[in-house]
Amino acid sequence: MSDYKSRADEVLLSRGAHNHEAWLKEQVSEAMDKAERGEAVYYSAADAEEIMNNRKAEIAAKHEAKE
């Protein structure tokens, strides 16, 4: 039974990896299309870091509020 379970886990993980790969390819393709149409928005490293820090703070605040 453990051989069956490990094979089943392997198949499920493989499917998950495949789904993630397909999703990632779609995201990259959409981003490249957007860039080619001139619709992409570019941020400096400092701006990107500030945006991410703000998002992290928002997420942390939501989780703290639930506790």
Protein backbone atom coordinates (compact mmCIF):
# COMPACT_ATOMS: atom_id res chain seq x y z
CA MET A 1 0.00 0.00 0.00
CA SER A 2 2.81 2.44 0.69
CA ASP A 3 4.10 1.96 -2.89
CA TYR A 4 0.65 2.82 -4.20
CA LYS A 5 0.36 5.87 -1.96
CA SER A 6 3.80 7.18 -2.90
CA ARG A 7 2.98 6.73 -6.61
CA ALA A 8 -0.34 8.50 -6.13
CA ASP A 9 1.40 11.36 -4.34
CA GLU A 10 3.95 11.53 -7.14
CA VAL A 11 1.21 11.77 -9.77
CA LEU A 12 -0.65 14.47 -7.84
CA LEU A 13 2.53 16.49 -7.37
CA SER A 14 3.33 16.12 -11.05
CA ARG A 15 -0.12 17.37 -12.01
CA GLY A 16 0.24 20.29 -9.64
CA ALA A 17 3.61 21.17 -11.13
CA HIS A 18 2.15 20.92 -14.62
CA ASN A 19 -0.77 23.18 -13.70
CA HIS A 20 1.60 25.69 -12.15
CA GLU A 21 3.85 25.62 -15.22
CA ALA A 22 0.88 26.21 -17.52
CA TRP A 23 -0.34 29.06 -15.32
CA LEU A 24 3.13 30.62 -15.24
CA LYS A 25 3.49 30.41 -19.03
CA GLU A 26 0.10 32.11 -19.41
CA GLN A 27 1.10 34.90 -17.02
CA VAL A 28 4.39 35.51 -18.85
CA SER A 29 2.64 35.51 -22.22
CA GLU A 30 0.05 38.02 -21.01
CA ALA A 31 2.77 40.25 -19.55
CA MET A 32 4.75 40.19 -22.79
CA ASP A 33 1.63 40.99 -24.83
CA LYS A 34 0.88 43.90 -22.51
CA ALA A 35 4.46 45.19 -22.87
CA GLU A 36 4.26 44.96 -26.67
CA ARG A 37 1.03 46.98 -26.64
CA GLY A 38 2.75 49.65 -24.53
CA GLU A 39 0.46 49.02 -21.55
CA ALA A 40 3.11 47.78 -19.14
CA VAL A 41 3.94 49.80 -16.04
CA TYR A 42 7.54 49.84 -14.85
CA TYR A 43 8.69 50.74 -11.35
CA SER A 44 12.08 51.67 -10.01
CA ALA A 45 13.57 49.26 -7.49
CA ALA A 46 12.85 51.71 -4.68
CA ASP A 47 9.22 52.16 -5.77
CA ALA A 48 8.72 48.41 -6.13
CA GLU A 49 10.15 47.82 -2.66
CA GLU A 50 7.85 50.47 -1.18
CA ILE A 51 4.81 48.96 -2.91
CA MET A 52 5.66 45.48 -1.65
CA ASN A 53 6.31 46.69 1.89
CA ASN A 54 2.92 48.43 1.90
CA ARG A 55 1.19 45.25 0.66
CA LYS A 56 2.95 43.17 3.30
CA ALA A 57 1.85 45.62 5.99
CA GLU A 58 -1.76 45.47 4.75
CA ILE A 59 -1.74 41.67 4.82
CA ALA A 60 -0.18 41.59 8.29
CA ALA A 61 -2.77 44.07 9.55
CA LYS A 62 -5.63 41.94 8.22
CA HIS A 63 -4.27 38.85 9.96
CA GLU A 64 -3.67 40.72 13.21
CA ALA A 65 -7.24 42.05 13.13
CA LYS A 66 -8.60 38.48 12.89
CA GLU A 67 -6.74 37.31 16.00
